[in-house]
Amino acid sequence: MEVHAHSHTARKKWTHYFWEFLMLFLAVFCGFLAEYQLEHKIERDRAKELAKSFYEELKNDSASIAEKISETY
């Protein structure tokens, strides 16, 4: 039976771990910012759509009210 010997690598300095942590942190943070921007855009588009719908309904209601008033007089 053979024993597999692991080759020894040089120890990593603390700066290596620091840079790995920094890169991982930045990747997660940028992902969070991108998701926040997307959500903000979706909400803005939804608000525009609701405002347009409200305007159309208000215009139709005003026209029907004016028609009813003109019919009664």
PDB file of N, CA and C in Angstrom:
ATOM      1  N   MET A   1       0.835  -1.171   0.000  1.00  0.00           N
ATOM      2  CA  MET A   1       0.000   0.000   0.000  1.00  0.00           C
ATOM      3  C   MET A   1       0.880   1.234   0.000  1.00  0.00           C
ATOM      4  N   GLU A   2       0.567   2.118  -0.949  1.00  0.00           N
ATOM      5  CA  GLU A   2       1.383   3.335  -1.041  1.00  0.00           C
ATOM      6  C   GLU A   2       0.722   4.462  -0.275  1.00  0.00           C
ATOM      7  N   VAL A   3       1.553   5.275   0.282  1.00  0.00           N
ATOM      8  CA  VAL A   3       1.069   6.452   1.015  1.00  0.00           C
ATOM      9  C   VAL A   3       1.265   7.658   0.121  1.00  0.00           C
ATOM     10  N   HIS A   4       0.176   8.394  -0.070  1.00  0.00           N
ATOM     11  CA  HIS A   4       0.257   9.587  -0.916  1.00  0.00           C
ATOM     12  C   HIS A   4       0.747  10.751  -0.073  1.00  0.00           C
ATOM     13  N   ALA A   5       1.846  11.308  -0.461  1.00  0.00           N
ATOM     14  CA  ALA A   5       2.411  12.439   0.273  1.00  0.00           C
ATOM     15  C   ALA A   5       1.958  13.739  -0.386  1.00  0.00           C
ATOM     16  N   HIS A   6       1.423  14.611   0.411  1.00  0.00           N
ATOM     17  CA  HIS A   6       1.006  15.917  -0.104  1.00  0.00           C
ATOM     18  C   HIS A   6       2.226  16.805  -0.252  1.00  0.00           C
ATOM     19  N   SER A   7       2.275  17.499  -1.366  1.00  0.00           N
ATOM     20  CA  SER A   7       3.390  18.420  -1.541  1.00  0.00           C
ATOM     21  C   SER A   7       3.134  19.658  -0.686  1.00  0.00           C
ATOM     22  N   HIS A   8       4.159  20.152  -0.099  1.00  0.00           N
ATOM     23  CA  HIS A   8       4.020  21.322   0.764  1.00  0.00           C
ATOM     24  C   HIS A   8       4.151  22.579  -0.085  1.00  0.00           C
ATOM     25  N   THR A   9       3.216  23.483   0.125  1.00  0.00           N
ATOM     26  CA  THR A   9       3.284  24.759  -0.571  1.00  0.00           C
ATOM     27  C   THR A   9       3.698  25.820   0.420  1.00  0.00           C
ATOM     28  N   ALA A  10       4.187  26.891  -0.121  1.00  0.00           N
ATOM     29  CA  ALA A  10       4.611  27.977   0.756  1.00  0.00           C
ATOM     30  C   ALA A  10       3.395  28.559   1.464  1.00  0.00           C
ATOM     31  N   ARG A  11       3.603  28.997   2.687  1.00  0.00           N
ATOM     32  CA  ARG A  11       2.500  29.590   3.446  1.00  0.00           C
ATOM     33  C   ARG A  11       2.099  30.912   2.815  1.00  0.00           C
ATOM     34  N   LYS A  12       0.812  31.186   2.852  1.00  0.00           N
ATOM     35  CA  LYS A  12       0.323  32.437   2.306  1.00  0.00           C
ATOM     36  C   LYS A  12       0.454  33.526   3.359  1.00  0.00           C
ATOM     37  N   LYS A  13       0.780  34.716   2.892  1.00  0.00           N
ATOM     38  CA  LYS A  13       0.885  35.836   3.812  1.00  0.00           C
ATOM     39  C   LYS A  13      -0.509  36.344   4.154  1.00  0.00           C
ATOM     40  N   TRP A  14      -0.594  37.112   5.202  1.00  0.00           N
ATOM     41  CA  TRP A  14      -1.887  37.647   5.622  1.00  0.00           C
ATOM     42  C   TRP A  14      -2.452  38.592   4.574  1.00  0.00           C
ATOM     43  N   THR A  15      -1.579  39.237   3.791  1.00  0.00           N
ATOM     44  CA  THR A  15      -2.083  40.162   2.765  1.00  0.00           C
ATOM     45  C   THR A  15      -2.861  39.409   1.692  1.00  0.00           C
ATOM     46  N   HIS A  16      -2.464  38.170   1.418  1.00  0.00           N
ATOM     47  CA  HIS A  16      -3.204  37.351   0.444  1.00  0.00           C
ATOM     48  C   HIS A  16      -4.640  37.122   0.917  1.00  0.00           C
ATOM     49  N   TYR A  17      -4.798  36.766   2.170  1.00  0.00           N
ATOM     50  CA  TYR A  17      -6.141  36.549   2.718  1.00  0.00           C
ATOM     51  C   TYR A  17      -6.937  37.854   2.745  1.00  0.00           C
ATOM     52  N   PHE A  18      -6.260  38.950   3.046  1.00  0.00           N
ATOM     53  CA  PHE A  18      -6.922  40.252   3.065  1.00  0.00           C
ATOM     54  C   PHE A  18      -7.478  40.592   1.684  1.00  0.00           C
ATOM     55  N   TRP A  19      -6.690  40.409   0.634  1.00  0.00           N
ATOM     56  CA  TRP A  19      -7.145  40.715  -0.724  1.00  0.00           C
ATOM     57  C   TRP A  19      -8.269  39.787  -1.162  1.00  0.00           C
ATOM     58  N   GLU A  20      -8.195  38.506  -0.765  1.00  0.00           N
ATOM     59  CA  GLU A  20      -9.288  37.590  -1.080  1.00  0.00           C
ATOM     60  C   GLU A  20     -10.587  38.047  -0.422  1.00  0.00           C
ATOM     61  N   PHE A  21     -10.496  38.440   0.849  1.00  0.00           N
ATOM     62  CA  PHE A  21     -11.668  38.931   1.553  1.00  0.00           C
ATOM     63  C   PHE A  21     -12.203  40.192   0.894  1.00  0.00           C
ATOM     64  N   LEU A  22     -11.318  41.117   0.532  1.00  0.00           N
ATOM     65  CA  LEU A  22     -11.737  42.371  -0.084  1.00  0.00           C
ATOM     66  C   LEU A  22     -12.438  42.124  -1.418  1.00  0.00           C
ATOM     67  N   MET A  23     -11.900  41.240  -2.234  1.00  0.00           N
ATOM     68  CA  MET A  23     -12.519  40.946  -3.523  1.00  0.00           C
ATOM     69  C   MET A  23     -13.886  40.290  -3.334  1.00  0.00           C
ATOM     70  N   LEU A  24     -14.012  39.380  -2.400  1.00  0.00           N
ATOM     71  CA  LEU A  24     -15.300  38.732  -2.138  1.00  0.00           C
ATOM     72  C   LEU A  24     -16.308  39.749  -1.617  1.00  0.00           C
ATOM     73  N   PHE A  25     -15.865  40.604  -0.711  1.00  0.00           N
ATOM     74  CA  PHE A  25     -16.746  41.642  -0.168  1.00  0.00           C
ATOM     75  C   PHE A  25     -17.223  42.573  -1.277  1.00  0.00           C
ATOM     76  N   LEU A  26     -16.331  43.007  -2.148  1.00  0.00           N
ATOM     77  CA  LEU A  26     -16.712  43.903  -3.241  1.00  0.00           C
ATOM     78  C   LEU A  26     -17.669  43.228  -4.216  1.00  0.00           C
ATOM     79  N   ALA A  27     -17.461  41.945  -4.484  1.00  0.00           N
ATOM     80  CA  ALA A  27     -18.352  41.228  -5.393  1.00  0.00           C
ATOM     81  C   ALA A  27     -19.768  41.157  -4.822  1.00  0.00           C
ATOM     82  N   VAL A  28     -19.890  40.833  -3.552  1.00  0.00           N
ATOM     83  CA  VAL A  28     -21.199  40.753  -2.915  1.00  0.00           C
ATOM     84  C   VAL A  28     -21.844  42.125  -2.840  1.00  0.00           C
ATOM     85  N   PHE A  29     -21.064  43.138  -2.503  1.00  0.00           N
ATOM     86  CA  PHE A  29     -21.585  44.503  -2.392  1.00  0.00           C
ATOM     87  C   PHE A  29     -22.065  45.015  -3.749  1.00  0.00           C
ATOM     88  N   CYS A  30     -21.312  44.749  -4.805  1.00  0.00           N
ATOM     89  CA  CYS A  30     -21.730  45.177  -6.147  1.00  0.00           C
ATOM     90  C   CYS A  30     -22.993  44.439  -6.585  1.00  0.00           C
ATOM     91  N   GLY A  31     -23.119  43.189  -6.228  1.00  0.00           N
ATOM     92  CA  GLY A  31     -24.344  42.447  -6.510  1.00  0.00           C
ATOM     93  C   GLY A  31     -25.540  43.053  -5.792  1.00  0.00           C
ATOM     94  N   PHE A  32     -25.329  43.457  -4.541  1.00  0.00           N
ATOM     95  CA  PHE A  32     -26.398  44.109  -3.785  1.00  0.00           C
ATOM     96  C   PHE A  32     -26.798  45.422  -4.449  1.00  0.00           C
ATOM     97  N   LEU A  33     -25.826  46.214  -4.874  1.00  0.00           N
ATOM     98  CA  LEU A  33     -26.132  47.491  -5.532  1.00  0.00           C
ATOM     99  C   LEU A  33     -26.885  47.277  -6.842  1.00  0.00           C
ATOM    100  N   ALA A  34     -26.483  46.289  -7.600  1.00  0.00           N
ATOM    101  CA  ALA A  34     -27.161  46.005  -8.872  1.00  0.00           C
ATOM    102  C   ALA A  34     -28.608  45.585  -8.632  1.00  0.00           C
ATOM    103  N   GLU A  35     -28.832  44.758  -7.637  1.00  0.00           N
ATOM    104  CA  GLU A  35     -30.194  44.322  -7.328  1.00  0.00           C
ATOM    105  C   GLU A  35     -31.040  45.499  -6.850  1.00  0.00           C
ATOM    106  N   TYR A  36     -30.452  46.387  -6.061  1.00  0.00           N
ATOM    107  CA  TYR A  36     -31.164  47.563  -5.575  1.00  0.00           C
ATOM    108  C   TYR A  36     -31.551  48.470  -6.737  1.00  0.00           C
ATOM    109  N   GLN A  37     -30.640  48.684  -7.671  1.00  0.00           N
ATOM    110  CA  GLN A  37     -30.942  49.514  -8.837  1.00  0.00           C
ATOM    111  C   GLN A  37     -32.055  48.906  -9.678  1.00  0.00           C
ATOM    112  N   LEU A  38     -32.023  47.594  -9.876  1.00  0.00           N
ATOM    113  CA  LEU A  38     -33.058  46.918 -10.653  1.00  0.00           C
ATOM    114  C   LEU A  38     -34.413  47.070  -9.979  1.00  0.00           C
ATOM    115  N   GLU A  39     -34.468  46.875  -8.676  1.00  0.00           N
ATOM    116  CA  GLU A  39     -35.724  47.012  -7.942  1.00  0.00           C
ATOM    117  C   GLU A  39     -36.247  48.445  -8.032  1.00  0.00           C
ATOM    118  N   HIS A  40     -35.344  49.403  -7.945  1.00  0.00           N
ATOM    119  CA  HIS A  40     -35.732  50.813  -8.045  1.00  0.00           C
ATOM    120  C   HIS A  40     -36.321  51.106  -9.425  1.00  0.00           C
ATOM    121  N   LYS A  41     -35.725  50.571 -10.471  1.00  0.00           N
ATOM    122  CA  LYS A  41     -36.229  50.785 -11.828  1.00  0.00           C
ATOM    123  C   LYS A  41     -37.596  50.144 -12.002  1.00  0.00           C
ATOM    124  N   ILE A  42     -37.779  48.938 -11.488  1.00  0.00           N
ATOM    125  CA  ILE A  42     -39.061  48.250 -11.588  1.00  0.00           C
ATOM    126  C   ILE A  42     -40.152  49.057 -10.882  1.00  0.00           C
ATOM    127  N   GLU A  43     -39.859  49.555  -9.688  1.00  0.00           N
ATOM    128  CA  GLU A  43     -40.847  50.343  -8.952  1.00  0.00           C
ATOM    129  C   GLU A  43     -41.169  51.647  -9.676  1.00  0.00           C
ATOM    130  N   ARG A  44     -40.164  52.289 -10.267  1.00  0.00           N
ATOM    131  CA  ARG A  44     -40.387  53.534 -11.007  1.00  0.00           C
ATOM    132  C   ARG A  44     -41.281  53.279 -12.226  1.00  0.00           C
ATOM    133  N   ASP A  45     -41.020  52.191 -12.949  1.00  0.00           N
ATOM    134  CA  ASP A  45     -41.847  51.844 -14.106  1.00  0.00           C
ATOM    135  C   ASP A  45     -43.280  51.534 -13.684  1.00  0.00           C
ATOM    136  N   ARG A  46     -43.435  50.842 -12.574  1.00  0.00           N
ATOM    137  CA  ARG A  46     -44.771  50.515 -12.071  1.00  0.00           C
ATOM    138  C   ARG A  46     -45.522  51.787 -11.673  1.00  0.00           C
ATOM    139  N   ALA A  47     -44.830  52.731 -11.055  1.00  0.00           N
ATOM    140  CA  ALA A  47     -45.471  53.990 -10.664  1.00  0.00           C
ATOM    141  C   ALA A  47     -45.922  54.774 -11.892  1.00  0.00           C
ATOM    142  N   LYS A  48     -45.114  54.798 -12.943  1.00  0.00           N
ATOM    143  CA  LYS A  48     -45.508  55.491 -14.177  1.00  0.00           C
ATOM    144  C   LYS A  48     -46.738  54.838 -14.785  1.00  0.00           C
ATOM    145  N   GLU A  49     -46.761  53.512 -14.797  1.00  0.00           N
ATOM    146  CA  GLU A  49     -47.903  52.789 -15.364  1.00  0.00           C
ATOM    147  C   GLU A  49     -49.173  53.069 -14.559  1.00  0.00           C
ATOM    148  N   LEU A  50     -49.070  53.074 -13.243  1.00  0.00           N
ATOM    149  CA  LEU A  50     -50.232  53.358 -12.409  1.00  0.00           C
ATOM    150  C   LEU A  50     -50.712  54.795 -12.586  1.00  0.00           C
ATOM    151  N   ALA A  51     -49.789  55.740 -12.722  1.00  0.00           N
ATOM    152  CA  ALA A  51     -50.170  57.135 -12.927  1.00  0.00           C
ATOM    153  C   ALA A  51     -50.891  57.304 -14.264  1.00  0.00           C
ATOM    154  N   LYS A  52     -50.388  56.637 -15.294  1.00  0.00           N
ATOM    155  CA  LYS A  52     -51.033  56.713 -16.609  1.00  0.00           C
ATOM    156  C   LYS A  52     -52.434  56.105 -16.540  1.00  0.00           C
ATOM    157  N   SER A  53     -52.583  54.978 -15.876  1.00  0.00           N
ATOM    158  CA  SER A  53     -53.881  54.324 -15.727  1.00  0.00           C
ATOM    159  C   SER A  53     -54.844  55.221 -14.946  1.00  0.00           C
ATOM    160  N   PHE A  54     -54.349  55.830 -13.878  1.00  0.00           N
ATOM    161  CA  PHE A  54     -55.182  56.731 -13.073  1.00  0.00           C
ATOM    162  C   PHE A  54     -55.647  57.918 -13.904  1.00  0.00           C
ATOM    163  N   TYR A  55     -54.762  58.476 -14.708  1.00  0.00           N
ATOM    164  CA  TYR A  55     -55.114  59.615 -15.562  1.00  0.00           C
ATOM    165  C   TYR A  55     -56.201  59.230 -16.569  1.00  0.00           C
ATOM    166  N   GLU A  56     -56.059  58.065 -17.188  1.00  0.00           N
ATOM    167  CA  GLU A  56     -57.059  57.610 -18.164  1.00  0.00           C
ATOM    168  C   GLU A  56     -58.413  57.390 -17.499  1.00  0.00           C
ATOM    169  N   GLU A  57     -58.422  56.759 -16.325  1.00  0.00           N
ATOM    170  CA  GLU A  57     -59.677  56.534 -15.612  1.00  0.00           C
ATOM    171  C   GLU A  57     -60.324  57.856 -15.201  1.00  0.00           C
ATOM    172  N   LEU A  58     -59.517  58.793 -14.731  1.00  0.00           N
ATOM    173  CA  LEU A  58     -60.030  60.101 -14.334  1.00  0.00           C
ATOM    174  C   LEU A  58     -60.624  60.836 -15.528  1.00  0.00           C
ATOM    175  N   LYS A  59     -59.954  60.759 -16.670  1.00  0.00           N
ATOM    176  CA  LYS A  59     -60.450  61.407 -17.878  1.00  0.00           C
ATOM    177  C   LYS A  59     -61.783  60.787 -18.304  1.00  0.00           C
ATOM    178  N   ASN A  60     -61.888  59.460 -18.280  1.00  0.00           N
ATOM    179  CA  ASN A  60     -63.129  58.779 -18.652  1.00  0.00           C
ATOM    180  C   ASN A  60     -64.251  59.093 -17.661  1.00  0.00           C
ATOM    181  N   ASP A  61     -63.927  59.101 -16.371  1.00  0.00           N
ATOM    182  CA  ASP A  61     -64.943  59.413 -15.368  1.00  0.00           C
ATOM    183  C   ASP A  61     -65.436  60.852 -15.513  1.00  0.00           C
ATOM    184  N   SER A  62     -64.532  61.769 -15.777  1.00  0.00           N
ATOM    185  CA  SER A  62     -64.920  63.177 -15.953  1.00  0.00           C
ATOM    186  C   SER A  62     -65.830  63.330 -17.160  1.00  0.00           C
ATOM    187  N   ALA A  63     -65.512  62.627 -18.226  1.00  0.00           N
ATOM    188  CA  ALA A  63     -66.346  62.702 -19.424  1.00  0.00           C
ATOM    189  C   ALA A  63     -67.726  62.119 -19.161  1.00  0.00           C
ATOM    190  N   SER A  64     -67.792  60.998 -18.450  1.00  0.00           N
ATOM    191  CA  SER A  64     -69.100  60.389 -18.181  1.00  0.00           C
ATOM    192  C   SER A  64     -69.911  61.246 -17.208  1.00  0.00           C
ATOM    193  N   ILE A  65     -69.279  61.875 -16.241  1.00  0.00           N
ATOM    194  CA  ILE A  65     -69.989  62.770 -15.319  1.00  0.00           C
ATOM    195  C   ILE A  65     -70.514  63.985 -16.064  1.00  0.00           C
ATOM    196  N   ALA A  66     -69.688  64.559 -16.926  1.00  0.00           N
ATOM    197  CA  ALA A  66     -70.140  65.729 -17.696  1.00  0.00           C
ATOM    198  C   ALA A  66     -71.308  65.332 -18.592  1.00  0.00           C
ATOM    199  N   GLU A  67     -71.276  64.147 -19.146  1.00  0.00           N
ATOM    200  CA  GLU A  67     -72.380  63.672 -19.988  1.00  0.00           C
ATOM    201  C   GLU A  67     -73.654  63.498 -19.179  1.00  0.00           C
ATOM    202  N   LYS A  68     -73.544  62.918 -17.997  1.00  0.00           N
ATOM    203  CA  LYS A  68     -74.718  62.727 -17.127  1.00  0.00           C
ATOM    204  C   LYS A  68     -75.294  64.066 -16.700  1.00  0.00           C
ATOM    205  N   ILE A  69     -74.432  65.026 -16.398  1.00  0.00           N
ATOM    206  CA  ILE A  69     -74.918  66.351 -15.983  1.00  0.00           C
ATOM    207  C   ILE A  69     -75.636  67.025 -17.152  1.00  0.00           C
ATOM    208  N   SER A  70     -75.081  66.921 -18.348  1.00  0.00           N
ATOM    209  CA  SER A  70     -75.710  67.549 -19.503  1.00  0.00           C
ATOM    210  C   SER A  70     -77.039  66.877 -19.846  1.00  0.00           C
ATOM    211  N   GLU A  71     -77.186  65.593 -19.561  1.00  0.00           N
ATOM    212  CA  GLU A  71     -78.443  64.889 -19.817  1.00  0.00           C
ATOM    213  C   GLU A  71     -79.535  65.327 -18.853  1.00  0.00           C
ATOM    214  N   THR A  72     -79.163  65.625 -17.638  1.00  0.00           N
ATOM    215  CA  THR A  72     -80.161  65.973 -16.630  1.00  0.00           C
ATOM    216  C   THR A  72     -80.653  67.409 -16.798  1.00  0.00           C
ATOM    217  N   TYR A  73     -79.871  68.276 -17.406  1.00  0.00           N
ATOM    218  CA  TYR A  73     -80.307  69.675 -17.567  1.00  0.00           C
ATOM    219  C   TYR A  73     -80.798  69.898 -18.904  1.00  0.00           C
TER     220      TYR A  73
END
